[in-house]
């Protein structure tokens, strides 16, 4: 990375790392976030997402590597960074004994919004976020979804060019999550760059670009469709009301099978690109009618994580295991395992 900040990027890091004693929480993370985009950092709990965010916000010093955020060095110019960003943490961090409007007033003052501008800005944010009917309600009495909405409003009250969201919808119901994402896209359309962490795979597909992080390092980075394509996977599904378990057991021993899943009476299989999943399903369930299925970001991510896990800890005490067959891009696919939230 050059010492100057490239005009196209609002976040740049090279080989960023962070240690806590003997624990390496982040290792060799290089990111480029373009101005005006929604950039997702995707990974399971403990992957290093929050630690990375805290370094970018100037809250934690990096142990190694370098980076620039909104034009400032993350190791030496943290205060300049803090003045120019918004940051929403995982946990609700507003004052529960203040009303919604009082919280917004307070944070407008903390972020340096002038008194002459403050009232108009608070009213504007209340209107755009749908909080007007709740402006006099104590923040502590709000539901989880409304609390998240107030937290987002407070972190953007000063109209920062860059907004960090650390797992912003954790524990929020599906309806509130959709409303929250509408607001995220509204902010991005207005020119705000958004960098968010999540372990929800459907949210990753809503981002313009994303990075897969596991065990503190980046597995892949790019547009969701491009990341999925590089993994070199195919998927198919079949409806088997009575024999899905037997078919699944038969598939587990087949070469090239990356994942097998049940969705009610539907059996879904994901394979490496050299194996046709439709033909496999026809072999194990000749009475069914298999159909092509879309390969998702979740399929790609779980495949990468499983390959990393098996490379470090091969099953049954075997020696180090190669990462399956390479994809057309030269990146090794790998073995399966899958989503805990379905």
C-alpha atoms as a PDB file:
ATOM      1  CA  UNK A   1       0.000   0.000   0.000  1.00  0.00           C
ATOM      2  CA  UNK A   2       1.276   3.507  -0.845  1.00  0.00           C
ATOM      3  CA  UNK A   3       1.774   6.038   1.950  1.00  0.00           C
ATOM      4  CA  UNK A   4      -0.911   8.225   0.357  1.00  0.00           C
ATOM      5  CA  UNK A   5      -4.557   7.187   0.316  1.00  0.00           C
ATOM      6  CA  UNK A   6      -5.860   6.181  -3.101  1.00  0.00           C
ATOM      7  CA  UNK A   7      -8.774   8.446  -4.031  1.00  0.00           C
ATOM      8  CA  UNK A   8     -10.978   5.447  -4.862  1.00  0.00           C
ATOM      9  CA  UNK A   9     -10.689   3.851  -1.421  1.00  0.00           C
ATOM     10  CA  UNK A  10     -11.904   5.031   1.949  1.00  0.00           C
ATOM     11  CA  UNK A  11     -10.403   2.036   3.812  1.00  0.00           C
ATOM     12  CA  UNK A  12      -7.091   0.392   2.957  1.00  0.00           C
ATOM     13  CA  UNK A  13      -5.176  -2.150   5.028  1.00  0.00           C
ATOM     14  CA  UNK A  14      -2.093  -4.223   4.277  1.00  0.00           C
ATOM     15  CA  UNK A  15      -1.201  -7.326   6.323  1.00  0.00           C
ATOM     16  CA  UNK A  16      -3.018  -6.043   9.390  1.00  0.00           C
ATOM     17  CA  UNK A  17      -2.654  -8.140  12.544  1.00  0.00           C
ATOM     18  CA  UNK A  18      -3.544  -7.993  16.204  1.00  0.00           C
ATOM     19  CA  UNK A  19      -2.298 -10.127  19.104  1.00  0.00           C
ATOM     20  CA  UNK A  20      -3.610 -10.487  22.630  1.00  0.00           C
ATOM     21  CA  UNK A  21      -0.691 -12.150  24.370  1.00  0.00           C
ATOM     22  CA  UNK A  22      -0.205 -15.501  22.668  1.00  0.00           C
ATOM     23  CA  UNK A  23      -3.564 -15.278  20.902  1.00  0.00           C
ATOM     24  CA  UNK A  24      -3.471 -14.027  17.325  1.00  0.00           C
ATOM     25  CA  UNK A  25      -6.959 -12.601  16.793  1.00  0.00           C
ATOM     26  CA  UNK A  26      -6.244 -11.052  13.376  1.00  0.00           C
ATOM     27  CA  UNK A  27      -3.472 -12.122  11.016  1.00  0.00           C
ATOM     28  CA  UNK A  28      -2.490 -10.690   7.663  1.00  0.00           C
ATOM     29  CA  UNK A  29      -5.757  -8.929   6.760  1.00  0.00           C
ATOM     30  CA  UNK A  30      -5.627  -6.786   3.613  1.00  0.00           C
ATOM     31  CA  UNK A  31      -8.807  -4.926   2.632  1.00  0.00           C
ATOM     32  CA  UNK A  32      -9.781  -2.259   0.104  1.00  0.00           C
ATOM     33  CA  UNK A  33     -13.157  -0.588   0.619  1.00  0.00           C
ATOM     34  CA  UNK A  34     -14.375   1.736  -2.127  1.00  0.00           C
ATOM     35  CA  UNK A  35     -16.157   4.972  -1.407  1.00  0.00           C
ATOM     36  CA  UNK A  36     -19.949   4.662  -1.444  1.00  0.00           C
ATOM     37  CA  UNK A  37     -20.182   0.876  -1.257  1.00  0.00           C
ATOM     38  CA  UNK A  38     -21.623  -1.535   1.298  1.00  0.00           C
ATOM     39  CA  UNK A  39     -18.742  -3.814   2.242  1.00  0.00           C
ATOM     40  CA  UNK A  40     -19.418  -6.905   4.336  1.00  0.00           C
ATOM     41  CA  UNK A  41     -16.916  -8.727   6.520  1.00  0.00           C
ATOM     42  CA  UNK A  42     -18.327 -12.214   6.882  1.00  0.00           C
ATOM     43  CA  UNK A  43     -17.255 -14.839   9.360  1.00  0.00           C
ATOM     44  CA  UNK A  44     -18.308 -17.040  12.280  1.00  0.00           C
ATOM     45  CA  UNK A  45     -18.074 -15.940  15.898  1.00  0.00           C
ATOM     46  CA  UNK A  46     -14.428 -15.589  16.944  1.00  0.00           C
ATOM     47  CA  UNK A  47     -13.174 -15.108  13.378  1.00  0.00           C
ATOM     48  CA  UNK A  48     -11.608 -11.708  14.127  1.00  0.00           C
ATOM     49  CA  UNK A  49     -14.304  -9.477  12.639  1.00  0.00           C
ATOM     50  CA  UNK A  50     -14.900  -7.236  15.643  1.00  0.00           C
ATOM     51  CA  UNK A  51     -11.181  -6.910  16.373  1.00  0.00           C
ATOM     52  CA  UNK A  52     -10.604  -5.794  12.792  1.00  0.00           C
ATOM     53  CA  UNK A  53     -13.388  -3.207  13.069  1.00  0.00           C
ATOM     54  CA  UNK A  54     -11.971  -1.848  16.326  1.00  0.00           C
ATOM     55  CA  UNK A  55      -8.557  -1.361  14.745  1.00  0.00           C
ATOM     56  CA  UNK A  56     -10.089   0.444  11.777  1.00  0.00           C
ATOM     57  CA  UNK A  57     -12.034   2.718  14.141  1.00  0.00           C
ATOM     58  CA  UNK A  58      -8.899   3.690  16.041  1.00  0.00           C
ATOM     59  CA  UNK A  59      -9.980   1.895  19.223  1.00  0.00           C
ATOM     60  CA  UNK A  60      -7.258  -0.789  19.121  1.00  0.00           C
ATOM     61  CA  UNK A  61      -3.663  -0.405  17.987  1.00  0.00           C
ATOM     62  CA  UNK A  62      -2.567  -2.966  15.375  1.00  0.00           C
ATOM     63  CA  UNK A  63       0.214  -5.359  16.325  1.00  0.00           C
ATOM     64  CA  UNK A  64       1.456  -5.451  12.742  1.00  0.00           C
ATOM     65  CA  UNK A  65       0.722  -4.224   9.247  1.00  0.00           C
ATOM     66  CA  UNK A  66      -0.665  -0.821   8.353  1.00  0.00           C
ATOM     67  CA  UNK A  67      -3.845   0.865   7.228  1.00  0.00           C
ATOM     68  CA  UNK A  68      -5.579   4.105   6.396  1.00  0.00           C
ATOM     69  CA  UNK A  69      -9.197   5.053   7.083  1.00  0.00           C
ATOM     70  CA  UNK A  70     -10.795   8.223   5.654  1.00  0.00           C
ATOM     71  CA  UNK A  71      -7.268   9.292   4.708  1.00  0.00           C
ATOM     72  CA  UNK A  72      -5.669   8.843   8.156  1.00  0.00           C
ATOM     73  CA  UNK A  73      -3.226   6.310   9.542  1.00  0.00           C
ATOM     74  CA  UNK A  74      -4.902   3.854  11.927  1.00  0.00           C
ATOM     75  CA  UNK A  75      -1.797   3.584  14.129  1.00  0.00           C
ATOM     76  CA  UNK A  76      -0.987   7.289  14.556  1.00  0.00           C
ATOM     77  CA  UNK A  77      -4.081   9.352  13.699  1.00  0.00           C
ATOM     78  CA  UNK A  78      -6.866   7.631  15.623  1.00  0.00           C
ATOM     79  CA  UNK A  79      -8.513  10.834  16.863  1.00  0.00           C
ATOM     80  CA  UNK A  80      -8.858  12.229  13.335  1.00  0.00           C
ATOM     81  CA  UNK A  81     -10.478   8.932  12.291  1.00  0.00           C
ATOM     82  CA  UNK A  82     -12.936   8.926  15.205  1.00  0.00           C
ATOM     83  CA  UNK A  83     -14.173  12.396  14.285  1.00  0.00           C
ATOM     84  CA  UNK A  84     -15.022  11.320  10.736  1.00  0.00           C
ATOM     85  CA  UNK A  85     -16.729   7.969  11.189  1.00  0.00           C
ATOM     86  CA  UNK A  86     -19.876   6.505  12.713  1.00  0.00           C
ATOM     87  CA  UNK A  87     -19.635   3.314  14.760  1.00  0.00           C
ATOM     88  CA  UNK A  88     -22.481   1.082  15.892  1.00  0.00           C
ATOM     89  CA  UNK A  89     -21.461  -1.702  18.259  1.00  0.00           C
ATOM     90  CA  UNK A  90     -22.993  -5.164  18.643  1.00  0.00           C
ATOM     91  CA  UNK A  91     -24.668  -4.295  21.935  1.00  0.00           C
ATOM     92  CA  UNK A  92     -27.135  -1.479  22.453  1.00  0.00           C
ATOM     93  CA  UNK A  93     -24.940   1.296  23.856  1.00  0.00           C
ATOM     94  CA  UNK A  94     -27.305   4.248  24.132  1.00  0.00           C
ATOM     95  CA  UNK A  95     -28.706   5.710  27.336  1.00  0.00           C
ATOM     96  CA  UNK A  96     -31.778   3.709  28.266  1.00  0.00           C
ATOM     97  CA  UNK A  97     -33.057   6.315  30.739  1.00  0.00           C
ATOM     98  CA  UNK A  98     -33.139   9.014  28.040  1.00  0.00           C
ATOM     99  CA  UNK A  99     -35.821   9.343  25.379  1.00  0.00           C
ATOM    100  CA  UNK A 100     -35.120   8.684  21.723  1.00  0.00           C
ATOM    101  CA  UNK A 101     -34.893  12.410  21.001  1.00  0.00           C
ATOM    102  CA  UNK A 102     -32.661  13.045  24.022  1.00  0.00           C
ATOM    103  CA  UNK A 103     -30.259  10.343  22.843  1.00  0.00           C
ATOM    104  CA  UNK A 104     -30.091  11.929  19.398  1.00  0.00           C
ATOM    105  CA  UNK A 105     -29.568  15.387  20.908  1.00  0.00           C
ATOM    106  CA  UNK A 106     -26.784  14.064  23.113  1.00  0.00           C
ATOM    107  CA  UNK A 107     -24.915  12.278  20.323  1.00  0.00           C
ATOM    108  CA  UNK A 108     -25.312  15.234  17.996  1.00  0.00           C
ATOM    109  CA  UNK A 109     -23.453  17.280  20.611  1.00  0.00           C
ATOM    110  CA  UNK A 110     -20.794  14.596  21.130  1.00  0.00           C
ATOM    111  CA  UNK A 111     -20.168  14.412  17.386  1.00  0.00           C
ATOM    112  CA  UNK A 112     -19.850  18.198  17.103  1.00  0.00           C
ATOM    113  CA  UNK A 113     -23.065  19.093  15.289  1.00  0.00           C
ATOM    114  CA  UNK A 114     -23.471  22.833  15.859  1.00  0.00           C
ATOM    115  CA  UNK A 115     -26.316  24.122  18.036  1.00  0.00           C
ATOM    116  CA  UNK A 116     -27.718  26.053  15.087  1.00  0.00           C
ATOM    117  CA  UNK A 117     -27.909  22.874  13.022  1.00  0.00           C
ATOM    118  CA  UNK A 118     -28.691  20.370  15.764  1.00  0.00           C
ATOM    119  CA  UNK A 119     -32.479  20.682  16.098  1.00  0.00           C
ATOM    120  CA  UNK A 120     -33.045  20.530  12.341  1.00  0.00           C
ATOM    121  CA  UNK A 121     -30.719  17.551  12.037  1.00  0.00           C
ATOM    122  CA  UNK A 122     -32.417  15.626  14.862  1.00  0.00           C
ATOM    123  CA  UNK A 123     -35.836  16.278  13.338  1.00  0.00           C
ATOM    124  CA  UNK A 124     -34.554  15.135   9.939  1.00  0.00           C
ATOM    125  CA  UNK A 125     -33.180  11.878  11.330  1.00  0.00           C
ATOM    126  CA  UNK A 126     -36.351  11.172  13.301  1.00  0.00           C
ATOM    127  CA  UNK A 127     -38.357  11.595  10.113  1.00  0.00           C
ATOM    128  CA  UNK A 128     -36.174   9.512   7.786  1.00  0.00           C
ATOM    129  CA  UNK A 129     -35.860   6.616  10.241  1.00  0.00           C
ATOM    130  CA  UNK A 130     -39.544   6.495  11.172  1.00  0.00           C
ATOM    131  CA  UNK A 131     -38.828   7.382  14.808  1.00  0.00           C
ATOM    132  CA  UNK A 132     -41.110  10.420  15.068  1.00  0.00           C
ATOM    133  CA  UNK A 133     -43.900   8.526  16.910  1.00  0.00           C
ATOM    134  CA  UNK A 134     -41.329   7.271  19.437  1.00  0.00           C
ATOM    135  CA  UNK A 135     -39.332  10.452  19.958  1.00  0.00           C
ATOM    136  CA  UNK A 136     -40.571  10.822  23.574  1.00  0.00           C
ATOM    137  CA  UNK A 137     -40.258   7.120  24.454  1.00  0.00           C
ATOM    138  CA  UNK A 138     -37.487   6.006  26.798  1.00  0.00           C
ATOM    139  CA  UNK A 139     -34.859   4.086  24.838  1.00  0.00           C
ATOM    140  CA  UNK A 140     -34.816   1.313  27.414  1.00  0.00           C
ATOM    141  CA  UNK A 141     -38.476   0.482  26.755  1.00  0.00           C
ATOM    142  CA  UNK A 142     -38.021  -0.052  23.008  1.00  0.00           C
ATOM    143  CA  UNK A 143     -38.015  -3.470  21.356  1.00  0.00           C
ATOM    144  CA  UNK A 144     -34.764  -4.824  19.918  1.00  0.00           C
ATOM    145  CA  UNK A 145     -35.538  -3.699  16.374  1.00  0.00           C
ATOM    146  CA  UNK A 146     -36.402  -0.139  17.424  1.00  0.00           C
ATOM    147  CA  UNK A 147     -33.308   0.048  19.634  1.00  0.00           C
ATOM    148  CA  UNK A 148     -31.165  -0.850  16.633  1.00  0.00           C
ATOM    149  CA  UNK A 149     -32.883   1.846  14.610  1.00  0.00           C
ATOM    150  CA  UNK A 150     -32.137   4.460  17.288  1.00  0.00           C
ATOM    151  CA  UNK A 151     -28.524   3.270  17.515  1.00  0.00           C
ATOM    152  CA  UNK A 152     -28.130   3.626  13.755  1.00  0.00           C
ATOM    153  CA  UNK A 153     -29.681   7.081  13.817  1.00  0.00           C
ATOM    154  CA  UNK A 154     -27.332   8.155  16.607  1.00  0.00           C
ATOM    155  CA  UNK A 155     -24.237   6.868  14.807  1.00  0.00           C
ATOM    156  CA  UNK A 156     -25.151   8.811  11.644  1.00  0.00           C
ATOM    157  CA  UNK A 157     -26.465  12.026  13.238  1.00  0.00           C
ATOM    158  CA  UNK A 158     -23.283  13.868  12.145  1.00  0.00           C
ATOM    159  CA  UNK A 159     -23.486  12.520   8.576  1.00  0.00           C
ATOM    160  CA  UNK A 160     -20.115  10.726   8.558  1.00  0.00           C
ATOM    161  CA  UNK A 161     -18.629   9.626   5.214  1.00  0.00           C
ATOM    162  CA  UNK A 162     -17.903   6.172   6.661  1.00  0.00           C
ATOM    163  CA  UNK A 163     -20.108   4.054   8.922  1.00  0.00           C
ATOM    164  CA  UNK A 164     -18.983   0.916  10.779  1.00  0.00           C
ATOM    165  CA  UNK A 165     -21.677  -1.562  11.823  1.00  0.00           C
ATOM    166  CA  UNK A 166     -20.564  -4.470  14.008  1.00  0.00           C
ATOM    167  CA  UNK A 167     -23.115  -7.298  13.610  1.00  0.00           C
ATOM    168  CA  UNK A 168     -25.917  -4.713  13.612  1.00  0.00           C
ATOM    169  CA  UNK A 169     -28.857  -7.115  13.339  1.00  0.00           C
ATOM    170  CA  UNK A 170     -27.771  -9.798  15.826  1.00  0.00           C
ATOM    171  CA  UNK A 171     -30.833 -10.925  17.767  1.00  0.00           C
ATOM    172  CA  UNK A 172     -33.246  -8.804  15.722  1.00  0.00           C
ATOM    173  CA  UNK A 173     -36.438 -10.298  14.280  1.00  0.00           C
ATOM    174  CA  UNK A 174     -36.722 -10.818  10.477  1.00  0.00           C
ATOM    175  CA  UNK A 175     -39.129  -7.920   9.901  1.00  0.00           C
ATOM    176  CA  UNK A 176     -36.857  -5.495  11.767  1.00  0.00           C
ATOM    177  CA  UNK A 177     -33.840  -6.842   9.912  1.00  0.00           C
ATOM    178  CA  UNK A 178     -35.448  -6.047   6.567  1.00  0.00           C
ATOM    179  CA  UNK A 179     -36.342  -2.548   7.692  1.00  0.00           C
ATOM    180  CA  UNK A 180     -32.794  -2.055   8.946  1.00  0.00           C
ATOM    181  CA  UNK A 181     -31.326  -3.119   5.608  1.00  0.00           C
ATOM    182  CA  UNK A 182     -33.586  -0.724   3.743  1.00  0.00           C
ATOM    183  CA  UNK A 183     -32.089   2.042   5.851  1.00  0.00           C
ATOM    184  CA  UNK A 184     -28.544   0.808   5.153  1.00  0.00           C
ATOM    185  CA  UNK A 185     -29.157   0.953   1.409  1.00  0.00           C
ATOM    186  CA  UNK A 186     -30.765   4.381   1.747  1.00  0.00           C
ATOM    187  CA  UNK A 187     -27.637   5.657   3.510  1.00  0.00           C
ATOM    188  CA  UNK A 188     -25.366   4.108   0.876  1.00  0.00           C
ATOM    189  CA  UNK A 189     -27.428   5.666  -1.914  1.00  0.00           C
ATOM    190  CA  UNK A 190     -26.844   9.022  -0.235  1.00  0.00           C
ATOM    191  CA  UNK A 191     -23.080   8.579  -0.414  1.00  0.00           C
ATOM    192  CA  UNK A 192     -22.229   6.983   2.935  1.00  0.00           C
ATOM    193  CA  UNK A 193     -19.718   4.140   2.772  1.00  0.00           C
ATOM    194  CA  UNK A 194     -20.735   1.261   5.039  1.00  0.00           C
ATOM    195  CA  UNK A 195     -18.471  -1.459   6.384  1.00  0.00           C
ATOM    196  CA  UNK A 196     -20.330  -4.074   8.396  1.00  0.00           C
ATOM    197  CA  UNK A 197     -19.582  -7.395  10.015  1.00  0.00           C
ATOM    198  CA  UNK A 198     -22.066 -10.247  10.019  1.00  0.00           C
ATOM    199  CA  UNK A 199     -22.356 -13.997  10.312  1.00  0.00           C
ATOM    200  CA  UNK A 200     -25.724 -14.033   8.544  1.00  0.00           C
ATOM    201  CA  UNK A 201     -25.174 -15.385   5.044  1.00  0.00           C
ATOM    202  CA  UNK A 202     -28.284 -13.786   3.557  1.00  0.00           C
ATOM    203  CA  UNK A 203     -26.999 -10.382   4.704  1.00  0.00           C
ATOM    204  CA  UNK A 204     -23.683 -11.006   2.953  1.00  0.00           C
ATOM    205  CA  UNK A 205     -25.566 -11.317  -0.336  1.00  0.00           C
ATOM    206  CA  UNK A 206     -26.994  -7.815   0.191  1.00  0.00           C
ATOM    207  CA  UNK A 207     -23.493  -6.268   0.150  1.00  0.00           C
ATOM    208  CA  UNK A 208     -21.780  -4.810  -2.896  1.00  0.00           C
ATOM    209  CA  UNK A 209     -18.549  -6.600  -1.975  1.00  0.00           C
ATOM    210  CA  UNK A 210     -17.467  -8.783   0.911  1.00  0.00           C
ATOM    211  CA  UNK A 211     -14.524 -10.481   2.564  1.00  0.00           C
ATOM    212  CA  UNK A 212     -14.643 -13.986   4.063  1.00  0.00           C
ATOM    213  CA  UNK A 213     -12.667 -14.049   7.331  1.00  0.00           C
ATOM    214  CA  UNK A 214     -11.837 -17.202   9.266  1.00  0.00           C
ATOM    215  CA  UNK A 215      -9.341 -17.624  12.094  1.00  0.00           C
ATOM    216  CA  UNK A 216      -8.197 -14.061  11.658  1.00  0.00           C
ATOM    217  CA  UNK A 217      -7.313 -14.083   7.974  1.00  0.00           C
ATOM    218  CA  UNK A 218      -9.112 -13.422   4.694  1.00  0.00           C
ATOM    219  CA  UNK A 219     -10.144 -16.505   2.712  1.00  0.00           C
ATOM    220  CA  UNK A 220     -11.503 -14.583  -0.286  1.00  0.00           C
ATOM    221  CA  UNK A 221     -12.750 -11.121  -1.191  1.00  0.00           C
ATOM    222  CA  UNK A 222     -14.878  -9.587  -3.937  1.00  0.00           C
ATOM    223  CA  UNK A 223     -18.436  -9.280  -5.242  1.00  0.00           C
ATOM    224  CA  UNK A 224     -20.704 -11.997  -3.796  1.00  0.00           C
ATOM    225  CA  UNK A 225     -21.362 -13.619  -7.183  1.00  0.00           C
ATOM    226  CA  UNK A 226     -17.654 -13.605  -8.044  1.00  0.00           C
ATOM    227  CA  UNK A 227     -16.662 -15.178  -4.728  1.00  0.00           C
ATOM    228  CA  UNK A 228     -19.264 -17.907  -5.217  1.00  0.00           C
ATOM    229  CA  UNK A 229     -18.150 -18.550  -8.809  1.00  0.00           C
ATOM    230  CA  UNK A 230     -14.494 -18.878  -7.784  1.00  0.00           C
ATOM    231  CA  UNK A 231     -15.406 -21.639  -5.387  1.00  0.00           C
ATOM    232  CA  UNK A 232     -16.379 -23.883  -8.292  1.00  0.00           C
ATOM    233  CA  UNK A 233     -19.513 -25.510  -6.841  1.00  0.00           C
ATOM    234  CA  UNK A 234     -22.754 -26.874  -8.304  1.00  0.00           C
ATOM    235  CA  UNK A 235     -26.047 -27.556  -6.515  1.00  0.00           C
ATOM    236  CA  UNK A 236     -29.215 -29.548  -7.114  1.00  0.00           C
ATOM    237  CA  UNK A 237     -32.237 -30.604  -5.103  1.00  0.00           C
ATOM    238  CA  UNK A 238     -34.942 -33.236  -5.184  1.00  0.00           C
ATOM    239  CA  UNK A 239     -38.229 -33.874  -3.356  1.00  0.00           C
ATOM    240  CA  UNK A 240     -38.155 -37.233  -1.544  1.00  0.00           C
ATOM    241  CA  UNK A 241     -40.939 -37.517   1.008  1.00  0.00           C
ATOM    242  CA  UNK A 242     -40.082 -41.039   2.206  1.00  0.00           C
ATOM    243  CA  UNK A 243     -36.495 -41.920   1.286  1.00  0.00           C
ATOM    244  CA  UNK A 244     -34.487 -38.719   1.788  1.00  0.00           C
ATOM    245  CA  UNK A 245     -32.433 -40.166   4.662  1.00  0.00           C
ATOM    246  CA  UNK A 246     -31.363 -43.244   2.709  1.00  0.00           C
ATOM    247  CA  UNK A 247     -30.470 -41.117  -0.318  1.00  0.00           C
ATOM    248  CA  UNK A 248     -28.449 -38.736   1.846  1.00  0.00           C
ATOM    249  CA  UNK A 249     -26.508 -41.593   3.411  1.00  0.00           C
ATOM    250  CA  UNK A 250     -25.706 -42.936  -0.042  1.00  0.00           C
ATOM    251  CA  UNK A 251     -24.444 -39.536  -1.166  1.00  0.00           C
ATOM    252  CA  UNK A 252     -22.084 -39.099   1.784  1.00  0.00           C
ATOM    253  CA  UNK A 253     -19.619 -41.613   0.413  1.00  0.00           C
ATOM    254  CA  UNK A 254     -19.558 -40.164  -3.111  1.00  0.00           C
ATOM    255  CA  UNK A 255     -16.439 -38.363  -4.317  1.00  0.00           C
ATOM    256  CA  UNK A 256     -16.856 -34.679  -5.019  1.00  0.00           C
ATOM    257  CA  UNK A 257     -19.829 -34.160  -2.686  1.00  0.00           C
ATOM    258  CA  UNK A 258     -19.310 -30.983  -0.682  1.00  0.00           C
ATOM    259  CA  UNK A 259     -22.550 -30.756   1.312  1.00  0.00           C
ATOM    260  CA  UNK A 260     -25.848 -32.532   1.867  1.00  0.00           C
ATOM    261  CA  UNK A 261     -28.854 -30.851   3.458  1.00  0.00           C
ATOM    262  CA  UNK A 262     -32.474 -31.547   4.312  1.00  0.00           C
ATOM    263  CA  UNK A 263     -35.222 -28.926   3.963  1.00  0.00           C
ATOM    264  CA  UNK A 264     -38.369 -30.707   5.014  1.00  0.00           C
ATOM    265  CA  UNK A 265     -38.905 -33.328   2.276  1.00  0.00           C
ATOM    266  CA  UNK A 266     -36.381 -31.674  -0.028  1.00  0.00           C
ATOM    267  CA  UNK A 267     -32.842 -33.045  -0.267  1.00  0.00           C
ATOM    268  CA  UNK A 268     -30.166 -30.641  -1.508  1.00  0.00           C
ATOM    269  CA  UNK A 269     -26.645 -31.575  -2.559  1.00  0.00           C
ATOM    270  CA  UNK A 270     -23.661 -29.371  -3.369  1.00  0.00           C
ATOM    271  CA  UNK A 271     -20.732 -30.760  -5.353  1.00  0.00           C
ATOM    272  CA  UNK A 272     -17.446 -29.651  -6.829  1.00  0.00           C
ATOM    273  CA  UNK A 273     -17.701 -28.513 -10.440  1.00  0.00           C
ATOM    274  CA  UNK A 274     -16.311 -31.793 -11.825  1.00  0.00           C
ATOM    275  CA  UNK A 275     -19.295 -33.733 -10.469  1.00  0.00           C
ATOM    276  CA  UNK A 276     -22.851 -33.301 -11.769  1.00  0.00           C
ATOM    277  CA  UNK A 277     -25.206 -33.123  -8.736  1.00  0.00           C
ATOM    278  CA  UNK A 278     -28.268 -33.865 -10.853  1.00  0.00           C
ATOM    279  CA  UNK A 279     -26.753 -37.140 -12.065  1.00  0.00           C
ATOM    280  CA  UNK A 280     -25.825 -38.056  -8.491  1.00  0.00           C
ATOM    281  CA  UNK A 281     -29.396 -37.510  -7.330  1.00  0.00           C
ATOM    282  CA  UNK A 282     -30.723 -39.580 -10.217  1.00  0.00           C
ATOM    283  CA  UNK A 283     -28.462 -42.448  -9.169  1.00  0.00           C
ATOM    284  CA  UNK A 284     -29.482 -42.466  -5.499  1.00  0.00           C
ATOM    285  CA  UNK A 285     -33.164 -41.613  -6.074  1.00  0.00           C
ATOM    286  CA  UNK A 286     -34.197 -42.842  -9.537  1.00  0.00           C
ATOM    287  CA  UNK A 287     -37.893 -42.220  -8.849  1.00  0.00           C
ATOM    288  CA  UNK A 288     -37.425 -38.519  -8.161  1.00  0.00           C
ATOM    289  CA  UNK A 289     -37.081 -35.493 -10.409  1.00  0.00           C
ATOM    290  CA  UNK A 290     -33.890 -33.581  -9.514  1.00  0.00           C
ATOM    291  CA  UNK A 291     -33.554 -29.915 -10.450  1.00  0.00           C
ATOM    292  CA  UNK A 292     -30.742 -27.408 -10.548  1.00  0.00           C
ATOM    293  CA  UNK A 293     -30.364 -25.133  -7.496  1.00  0.00           C
ATOM    294  CA  UNK A 294     -28.541 -21.853  -6.987  1.00  0.00           C
ATOM    295  CA  UNK A 295     -25.167 -21.951  -5.268  1.00  0.00           C
ATOM    296  CA  UNK A 296     -25.220 -19.378  -2.469  1.00  0.00           C
ATOM    297  CA  UNK A 297     -22.684 -17.290  -0.579  1.00  0.00           C
ATOM    298  CA  UNK A 298     -23.309 -19.617   2.337  1.00  0.00           C
ATOM    299  CA  UNK A 299     -22.364 -22.652   0.241  1.00  0.00           C
ATOM    300  CA  UNK A 300     -19.082 -21.013  -0.757  1.00  0.00           C
ATOM    301  CA  UNK A 301     -18.244 -19.798   2.730  1.00  0.00           C
ATOM    302  CA  UNK A 302     -18.974 -23.098   4.466  1.00  0.00           C
ATOM    303  CA  UNK A 303     -16.966 -24.954   1.831  1.00  0.00           C
ATOM    304  CA  UNK A 304     -13.970 -22.688   2.415  1.00  0.00           C
ATOM    305  CA  UNK A 305     -14.212 -22.953   6.186  1.00  0.00           C
ATOM    306  CA  UNK A 306     -14.517 -26.742   6.074  1.00  0.00           C
ATOM    307  CA  UNK A 307     -11.477 -26.965   3.806  1.00  0.00           C
ATOM    308  CA  UNK A 308      -9.466 -24.777   6.202  1.00  0.00           C
ATOM    309  CA  UNK A 309     -10.527 -26.840   9.187  1.00  0.00           C
ATOM    310  CA  UNK A 310      -9.684 -30.151   7.556  1.00  0.00           C
ATOM    311  CA  UNK A 311      -6.323 -28.862   6.314  1.00  0.00           C
ATOM    312  CA  UNK A 312      -5.363 -28.037   9.911  1.00  0.00           C
ATOM    313  CA  UNK A 313      -7.167 -30.902  11.656  1.00  0.00           C
ATOM    314  CA  UNK A 314      -7.687 -33.782   9.196  1.00  0.00           C
ATOM    315  CA  UNK A 315     -10.344 -36.325  10.213  1.00  0.00           C
ATOM    316  CA  UNK A 316      -9.519 -39.651  11.897  1.00  0.00           C
ATOM    317  CA  UNK A 317      -5.946 -38.664  12.669  1.00  0.00           C
ATOM    318  CA  UNK A 318      -4.866 -38.713   9.033  1.00  0.00           C
ATOM    319  CA  UNK A 319      -1.943 -36.665   7.832  1.00  0.00           C
ATOM    320  CA  UNK A 320      -2.348 -33.151   6.425  1.00  0.00           C
ATOM    321  CA  UNK A 321      -5.060 -33.250   3.825  1.00  0.00           C
ATOM    322  CA  UNK A 322      -4.888 -31.398   0.495  1.00  0.00           C
ATOM    323  CA  UNK A 323      -7.722 -28.988  -0.279  1.00  0.00           C
ATOM    324  CA  UNK A 324      -9.750 -31.030  -2.746  1.00  0.00           C
ATOM    325  CA  UNK A 325      -9.483 -30.214  -6.413  1.00  0.00           C
ATOM    326  CA  UNK A 326      -8.663 -26.657  -7.505  1.00  0.00           C
ATOM    327  CA  UNK A 327     -11.351 -24.476  -8.961  1.00  0.00           C
ATOM    328  CA  UNK A 328     -10.855 -22.853 -12.384  1.00  0.00           C
ATOM    329  CA  UNK A 329      -9.348 -19.817 -10.626  1.00  0.00           C
ATOM    330  CA  UNK A 330      -6.769 -21.960  -8.856  1.00  0.00           C
ATOM    331  CA  UNK A 331      -8.365 -21.633  -5.411  1.00  0.00           C
ATOM    332  CA  UNK A 332      -8.880 -24.924  -3.646  1.00  0.00           C
ATOM    333  CA  UNK A 333     -12.462 -25.813  -2.793  1.00  0.00           C
ATOM    334  CA  UNK A 334     -12.793 -28.193   0.053  1.00  0.00           C
ATOM    335  CA  UNK A 335     -15.007 -30.154   2.272  1.00  0.00           C
ATOM    336  CA  UNK A 336     -18.428 -29.441   3.750  1.00  0.00           C
ATOM    337  CA  UNK A 337     -20.391 -28.566   6.784  1.00  0.00           C
ATOM    338  CA  UNK A 338     -23.001 -26.062   7.120  1.00  0.00           C
ATOM    339  CA  UNK A 339     -25.151 -23.440   8.601  1.00  0.00           C
ATOM    340  CA  UNK A 340     -26.129 -23.521  12.209  1.00  0.00           C
ATOM    341  CA  UNK A 341     -29.004 -21.077  11.801  1.00  0.00           C
ATOM    342  CA  UNK A 342     -31.246 -23.036   9.440  1.00  0.00           C
END
